[in-house]
Amino acid sequence: MNKILIQGCIGLFVASVASTSIAQNYPTKPIRFVVPQPPGGGADIVGRIVAMKLQEALGQQVIVDNRSGAGGIVGTELVARAPADGYTLLLGYTGVLTINPSLHKHLPYRPMEDFVPISVAAASPLILAVSPLQKINSMAELVAAAKSRPAPMTYGSPGNGSLHHLSTEWLKSATGIQMTHVPYKGFNSFNAVIAGEVGMAFVSVVGGLPHARAGRVKAVAITSKTRSPLLPDVPPLADTIAGFDAANWFGVLAPRGTPDAVVSKLAQAVSRAMQADDVKQRFVKDGGEAIGSTPTAFAELIRTETKRWAEVVRVSGARID
């Protein structure tokens, strides 16, 4: 065996031992968990559940850091530029990971190159919520009203490039109706529907269910393929638009370069946490689904969803306002 080969083997062995040692000792200090949306919405709710369970599993404080702005870009870029040591994590979701790349020519991060996927945490369909002031009770009435009014109806979203934004653009393209986009910061887009500032908005079931049940908004459709047992009277949007299926999924990621052993430890912790009975029951109660996955499965989800939403952007002609 030549000297170079021996040195290479020694190097691999040392790296392996070092990686194992890092995983065994990790974490030794608090972990920063960036949620790129403000408090109160679906992303924040999921993030805090994941943070609580990770804290229990890892024995270190996991601090949720809400960094909203630019449709999630601000917080997402922050993590992309953070040290790859396992102490800064991201709660990524459909919009920032799979929609933004098709809408922004100069996105300041690259989902597949700047991050290492750890685990899908949960998923939730959206409900199409209409302000009670609109006096609209069904999708048919919504489409008819939007087509008959002299001025376009307004709709809110948590920002350009969000799943909520693209879902409405898909709706507009498929039905031929005109609407004016009013972007907000995070959950404020749904608060605007409650207050009657905008006519409608998509919102995750996790965040919108209590308000729909209380009558603060009228849920006229859901973006899952079938009806939700929590909202049995709300039909799938696919009943109006064939093939419509839009779920907001949430997952944990770390900056690219984070040690494999740390990624593996985190993936196991998130996956186990999402399979815990209390977590599963909590998400079912709120209209979502606790998942948990391998890093490989999460990476494949990002690739598949990126292609799907790129086609929606192309067909709908969606743009950044």
Protein backbone atom coordinates (compact mmCIF):
# COMPACT_ATOMS: atom_id res chain seq x y z
CA MET A 1 0.00 0.00 0.00
CA ASN A 2 1.58 3.30 -1.04
CA LYS A 3 2.11 6.27 1.25
CA ILE A 4 -0.62 8.44 -0.33
CA LEU A 5 -3.23 5.69 0.03
CA ILE A 6 -2.26 5.12 3.66
CA GLN A 7 -2.53 8.82 4.41
CA GLY A 8 -5.94 8.93 2.73
CA CYS A 9 -7.21 6.01 4.80
CA ILE A 10 -5.92 7.63 7.98
CA GLY A 11 -7.65 10.87 7.03
CA LEU A 12 -10.97 9.13 6.46
CA PHE A 13 -10.64 7.29 9.75
CA VAL A 14 -9.89 10.50 11.65
CA ALA A 15 -12.81 12.28 9.99
CA SER A 16 -15.13 9.40 10.87
CA VAL A 17 -14.02 9.40 14.50
CA ALA A 18 -14.38 13.19 14.67
CA SER A 19 -17.88 13.07 13.16
CA THR A 20 -18.96 10.38 15.62
CA SER A 21 -17.55 12.41 18.50
CA ILE A 22 -19.42 15.53 17.34
CA ALA A 23 -22.71 13.64 17.17
CA GLN A 24 -22.23 12.09 20.61
CA ASN A 25 -21.56 15.46 22.22
CA TYR A 26 -24.04 17.51 20.17
CA PRO A 27 -25.64 19.73 21.26
CA THR A 28 -23.58 21.45 23.93
CA LYS A 29 -25.37 24.82 23.77
CA PRO A 30 -28.79 26.25 22.82
CA ILE A 31 -30.02 25.82 19.24
CA ARG A 32 -31.48 28.70 17.25
CA PHE A 33 -34.52 27.63 15.23
CA VAL A 34 -35.42 30.24 12.63
CA VAL A 35 -39.06 30.43 11.53
CA PRO A 36 -39.19 32.86 8.56
CA GLN A 37 -42.72 33.99 9.39
CA PRO A 38 -44.12 36.15 12.23
CA PRO A 39 -45.83 34.64 15.29
CA GLY A 40 -49.38 33.35 15.06
CA GLY A 41 -49.56 31.57 11.71
CA GLY A 42 -49.26 27.93 10.68
CA ALA A 43 -45.47 28.04 10.30
CA ASP A 44 -45.06 29.48 13.79
CA ILE A 45 -47.38 26.89 15.32
CA VAL A 46 -45.50 24.02 13.65
CA GLY A 47 -42.13 25.55 14.52
CA ARG A 48 -42.95 25.81 18.21
CA ILE A 49 -44.20 22.23 18.38
CA VAL A 50 -41.02 20.96 16.70
CA ALA A 51 -38.82 23.15 18.91
CA MET A 52 -40.47 21.86 22.07
CA LYS A 53 -40.03 18.22 21.08
CA LEU A 54 -36.43 18.74 19.92
CA GLN A 55 -35.63 20.38 23.23
CA GLU A 56 -37.00 17.35 25.05
CA ALA A 57 -35.06 14.93 22.85
CA LEU A 58 -31.72 16.76 22.79
CA GLY A 59 -31.59 18.13 26.31
CA GLN A 60 -30.74 21.65 25.17
CA GLN A 61 -32.83 24.77 24.77
CA VAL A 62 -34.25 25.25 21.26
CA ILE A 63 -35.08 28.92 20.77
CA VAL A 64 -37.64 29.88 18.11
CA ASP A 65 -36.49 33.01 16.26
CA ASN A 66 -39.25 34.53 14.09
CA ARG A 67 -37.52 36.32 11.20
CA SER A 68 -40.19 37.41 8.74
CA GLY A 69 -39.85 39.55 5.64
CA ALA A 70 -39.95 39.34 1.84
CA GLY A 71 -42.21 36.30 1.78
CA GLY A 72 -39.87 34.27 4.00
CA ILE A 73 -36.70 35.18 2.12
CA VAL A 74 -35.17 37.18 4.99
CA GLY A 75 -35.18 34.34 7.52
CA THR A 76 -34.29 31.69 4.98
CA GLU A 77 -31.25 33.59 3.72
CA LEU A 78 -30.14 34.18 7.31
CA VAL A 79 -29.87 30.42 7.89
CA ALA A 80 -28.20 29.85 4.52
CA ARG A 81 -25.40 32.18 5.64
CA ALA A 82 -25.15 30.80 9.20
CA PRO A 83 -22.29 28.56 10.43
CA ALA A 84 -22.80 24.93 9.43
CA ASP A 85 -22.45 23.59 12.96
CA GLY A 86 -25.96 22.40 13.80
CA TYR A 87 -26.75 25.35 16.06
CA THR A 88 -28.81 27.32 13.53
CA LEU A 89 -31.74 25.47 11.95
CA LEU A 90 -34.51 26.53 9.57
CA LEU A 91 -38.19 25.69 9.45
CA GLY A 92 -38.57 25.61 5.66
CA TYR A 93 -41.88 25.30 3.88
CA THR A 94 -43.41 25.05 0.43
CA GLY A 95 -43.14 28.71 -0.56
CA VAL A 96 -39.54 29.46 0.39
CA LEU A 97 -38.16 26.14 -0.83
CA THR A 98 -40.11 25.24 -3.97
CA ILE A 99 -41.99 28.31 -5.24
CA ASN A 100 -39.55 31.18 -4.78
CA PRO A 101 -36.96 29.69 -7.18
CA SER A 102 -39.45 30.05 -10.06
CA LEU A 103 -40.56 33.57 -9.17
CA HIS A 104 -37.31 35.29 -8.20
CA LYS A 105 -34.53 35.68 -10.75
CA HIS A 106 -32.05 36.74 -8.08
CA LEU A 107 -33.07 34.68 -5.06
CA PRO A 108 -30.34 35.17 -2.40
CA TYR A 109 -30.27 31.47 -1.51
CA ARG A 110 -30.43 28.16 -3.39
CA PRO A 111 -32.67 25.59 -1.70
CA MET A 112 -30.81 22.46 -2.81
CA GLU A 113 -27.29 23.90 -2.76
CA ASP A 114 -27.33 26.05 0.40
CA PHE A 115 -29.21 23.69 2.72
CA VAL A 116 -29.14 20.09 3.82
CA PRO A 117 -32.67 18.71 4.36
CA ILE A 118 -33.12 17.01 7.73
CA SER A 119 -36.75 15.87 8.01
CA VAL A 120 -40.24 16.79 6.90
CA ALA A 121 -42.12 17.68 10.06
CA ALA A 122 -45.76 18.20 9.12
CA ALA A 123 -48.19 19.16 6.37
CA SER A 124 -51.45 21.03 6.25
CA PRO A 125 -53.89 21.82 3.44
CA LEU A 126 -55.19 25.35 3.00
CA ILE A 127 -58.70 26.65 3.31
CA LEU A 128 -60.02 29.41 1.07
CA ALA A 129 -61.38 31.91 3.57
CA VAL A 130 -63.76 34.69 2.53
CA SER A 131 -64.69 37.74 4.58
CA PRO A 132 -68.25 37.53 5.94
CA LEU A 133 -68.76 41.04 4.52
CA GLN A 134 -68.63 39.51 1.02
CA LYS A 135 -71.76 37.41 1.65
CA ILE A 136 -70.25 34.58 -0.39
CA ASN A 137 -70.95 31.00 0.68
CA SER A 138 -69.52 28.80 -2.06
CA MET A 139 -66.91 28.64 -4.81
CA ALA A 140 -69.63 29.13 -7.42
CA GLU A 141 -70.75 32.33 -5.70
CA LEU A 142 -67.12 33.49 -5.38
CA VAL A 143 -66.42 33.04 -9.09
CA ALA A 144 -69.72 34.68 -10.07
CA ALA A 145 -69.13 37.64 -7.77
CA ALA A 146 -65.56 38.15 -8.98
CA LYS A 147 -66.70 38.15 -12.60
CA SER A 148 -69.65 40.50 -12.09
CA ARG A 149 -68.04 43.26 -10.05
CA PRO A 150 -66.69 46.36 -11.81
CA ALA A 151 -63.55 46.43 -9.64
CA PRO A 152 -61.45 43.30 -8.97
CA MET A 153 -61.85 41.62 -5.59
CA THR A 154 -58.78 41.86 -3.36
CA TYR A 155 -56.99 38.90 -1.89
CA GLY A 156 -54.30 38.73 0.78
CA SER A 157 -51.25 36.53 1.09
CA PRO A 158 -48.28 36.20 3.46
CA GLY A 159 -46.06 37.59 0.73
CA ASN A 160 -44.92 37.22 -2.86
CA GLY A 161 -43.96 33.66 -3.67
CA SER A 162 -45.90 32.11 -0.81
CA LEU A 163 -48.01 29.03 -1.38
CA HIS A 164 -51.05 31.18 -0.64
CA HIS A 165 -50.07 33.64 -3.39
CA LEU A 166 -49.47 30.92 -5.99
CA SER A 167 -52.62 29.03 -5.03
CA THR A 168 -54.67 32.16 -5.73
CA GLU A 169 -52.87 32.74 -9.03
CA TRP A 170 -53.69 29.13 -9.96
CA LEU A 171 -57.33 29.82 -9.02
CA LYS A 172 -57.40 32.99 -11.13
CA SER A 173 -55.83 31.28 -14.13
CA ALA A 174 -58.19 28.30 -14.00
CA THR A 175 -61.43 30.28 -13.55
CA GLY A 176 -60.63 33.41 -15.55
CA ILE A 177 -61.43 35.78 -12.68
CA GLN A 178 -59.50 38.95 -11.88
CA MET A 179 -58.22 39.74 -8.39
CA THR A 180 -55.83 42.26 -6.90
CA HIS A 181 -53.02 40.90 -4.75
CA VAL A 182 -52.34 42.57 -1.39
CA PRO A 183 -49.23 41.04 0.23
CA TYR A 184 -48.87 41.17 4.00
CA LYS A 185 -46.37 39.96 6.55
CA GLY A 186 -47.25 36.41 7.53
CA PHE A 187 -50.55 35.73 9.30
CA ASN A 188 -51.61 39.37 8.93
CA SER A 189 -53.02 38.42 5.53
CA PHE A 190 -55.60 36.24 7.26
CA ASN A 191 -56.26 38.85 9.93
CA ALA A 192 -57.06 41.20 7.05
CA VAL A 193 -59.82 38.84 5.88
CA ILE A 194 -61.28 38.71 9.40
CA ALA A 195 -61.23 42.53 9.54
CA GLY A 196 -62.76 42.85 6.06
CA GLU A 197 -59.72 44.66 4.64
CA VAL A 198 -59.47 42.15 1.78
CA GLY A 199 -62.09 39.90 0.27
CA MET A 200 -60.39 36.54 0.67
CA ALA A 201 -57.17 34.67 1.37
CA PHE A 202 -55.86 31.15 1.59
CA VAL A 203 -54.76 30.11 5.09
CA SER A 204 -53.44 26.87 6.50
CA VAL A 205 -56.04 24.75 8.25
CA VAL A 206 -53.79 24.75 11.33
CA GLY A 207 -54.02 28.54 11.60
CA GLY A 208 -57.50 29.15 10.19
CA LEU A 209 -59.65 26.36 11.62
CA PRO A 210 -60.64 28.08 14.90
CA HIS A 211 -61.70 31.23 13.04
CA ALA A 212 -63.71 29.31 10.46
CA ARG A 213 -65.52 27.41 13.21
CA ALA A 214 -66.23 30.64 15.08
CA GLY A 215 -67.72 32.25 11.95
CA ARG A 216 -65.13 35.01 11.70
CA VAL A 217 -64.52 33.88 8.10
CA LYS A 218 -66.40 31.69 5.66
CA ALA A 219 -64.43 28.66 4.45
CA VAL A 220 -65.65 27.95 0.92
CA ALA A 221 -63.06 25.35 -0.17
CA ILE A 222 -60.13 23.27 1.03
CA THR A 223 -57.03 22.44 -1.03
CA SER A 224 -56.81 18.76 -0.07
CA LYS A 225 -58.06 16.10 -2.48
CA THR A 226 -60.84 15.08 -0.10
CA ARG A 227 -62.94 16.76 2.57
CA SER A 228 -61.51 17.19 6.03
CA PRO A 229 -63.41 15.52 8.89
CA LEU A 230 -62.84 18.76 10.82
CA LEU A 231 -64.65 20.77 8.12
CA PRO A 232 -67.02 18.21 6.57
CA ASP A 233 -69.18 20.85 4.86
CA VAL A 234 -66.23 22.45 3.03
CA PRO A 235 -65.68 20.88 -0.44
CA PRO A 236 -62.25 20.35 -2.03
CA LEU A 237 -61.24 23.07 -4.49
CA ALA A 238 -60.55 20.17 -6.87
CA ASP A 239 -64.34 19.88 -7.24
CA THR A 240 -64.17 23.24 -9.06
CA ILE A 241 -60.67 23.07 -10.57
CA ALA A 242 -59.63 19.59 -11.67
CA GLY A 243 -56.32 18.48 -10.18
CA PHE A 244 -56.05 21.31 -7.67
CA ASP A 245 -53.93 20.07 -4.77
CA ALA A 246 -51.89 22.42 -2.59
CA ALA A 247 -50.49 21.47 0.79
CA ASN A 248 -48.23 23.58 2.93
CA TRP A 249 -45.57 21.24 4.27
CA PHE A 250 -42.95 22.19 6.80
CA GLY A 251 -39.52 20.68 7.38
CA VAL A 252 -36.29 21.20 9.27
CA LEU A 253 -33.11 22.13 7.38
CA ALA A 254 -29.55 23.15 8.27
CA PRO A 255 -26.88 25.08 6.37
CA ARG A 256 -25.05 23.00 3.77
CA GLY A 257 -21.88 21.56 5.28
CA THR A 258 -23.41 20.63 8.62
CA PRO A 259 -21.70 17.37 9.74
CA ASP A 260 -23.50 14.24 8.52
CA ALA A 261 -23.58 12.78 12.02
CA VAL A 262 -25.33 15.88 13.36
CA VAL A 263 -27.85 15.80 10.49
CA SER A 264 -28.54 12.14 11.20
CA LYS A 265 -29.04 12.79 14.91
CA LEU A 266 -31.41 15.65 14.21
CA ALA A 267 -33.34 13.66 11.59
CA GLN A 268 -33.90 10.82 14.03
CA ALA A 269 -35.01 13.25 16.73
CA VAL A 270 -37.49 15.08 14.46
CA SER A 271 -38.87 11.87 13.00
CA ARG A 272 -39.39 10.29 16.43
CA ALA A 273 -40.96 13.50 17.72
CA MET A 274 -43.46 13.63 14.86
CA GLN A 275 -44.50 10.03 15.56
CA ALA A 276 -45.20 10.72 19.24
CA ASP A 277 -48.88 10.20 20.06
CA ASP A 278 -49.35 13.65 21.59
CA VAL A 279 -47.89 15.34 18.52
CA LYS A 280 -49.91 13.26 16.05
CA GLN A 281 -53.10 13.95 17.99
CA ARG A 282 -52.31 17.67 18.18
CA PHE A 283 -51.92 17.95 14.40
CA VAL A 284 -55.01 15.87 13.69
CA LYS A 285 -56.97 18.13 16.04
CA ASP A 286 -55.69 21.21 14.18
CA GLY A 287 -56.30 19.77 10.72
CA GLY A 288 -52.72 18.89 9.83
CA GLU A 289 -50.61 15.76 9.67
CA ALA A 290 -47.43 15.00 11.59
CA ILE A 291 -44.99 13.25 9.24
CA GLY A 292 -41.28 12.83 10.00
CA SER A 293 -38.95 11.54 7.26
CA THR A 294 -35.39 10.81 6.26
CA PRO A 295 -33.15 13.52 4.79
CA THR A 296 -33.25 11.68 1.46
CA ALA A 297 -37.05 11.64 1.36
CA PHE A 298 -37.18 15.34 2.22
CA ALA A 299 -34.72 16.19 -0.55
CA GLU A 300 -36.85 14.28 -3.05
CA LEU A 301 -39.97 16.14 -1.90
CA ILE A 302 -38.25 19.48 -2.51
CA ARG A 303 -37.15 18.43 -6.02
CA THR A 304 -40.60 17.11 -6.96
CA GLU A 305 -42.52 20.10 -5.60
CA THR A 306 -40.13 22.56 -7.26
CA LYS A 307 -40.96 21.08 -10.67
CA ARG A 308 -44.71 21.11 -9.95
CA TRP A 309 -44.84 24.74 -8.82
CA ALA A 310 -42.60 25.85 -11.68
CA GLU A 311 -45.33 24.57 -14.01
CA VAL A 312 -48.01 26.46 -12.04
CA VAL A 313 -45.95 29.65 -12.35
CA ARG A 314 -45.56 29.08 -16.09
CA VAL A 315 -49.20 28.31 -16.81
CA SER A 316 -50.70 30.96 -14.53
CA GLY A 317 -48.27 33.69 -15.53
CA ALA A 318 -47.77 34.53 -11.86
CA ARG A 319 -45.33 37.32 -11.13
CA ILE A 320 -43.89 39.25 -8.23
CA ASP A 321 -46.03 42.30 -7.48
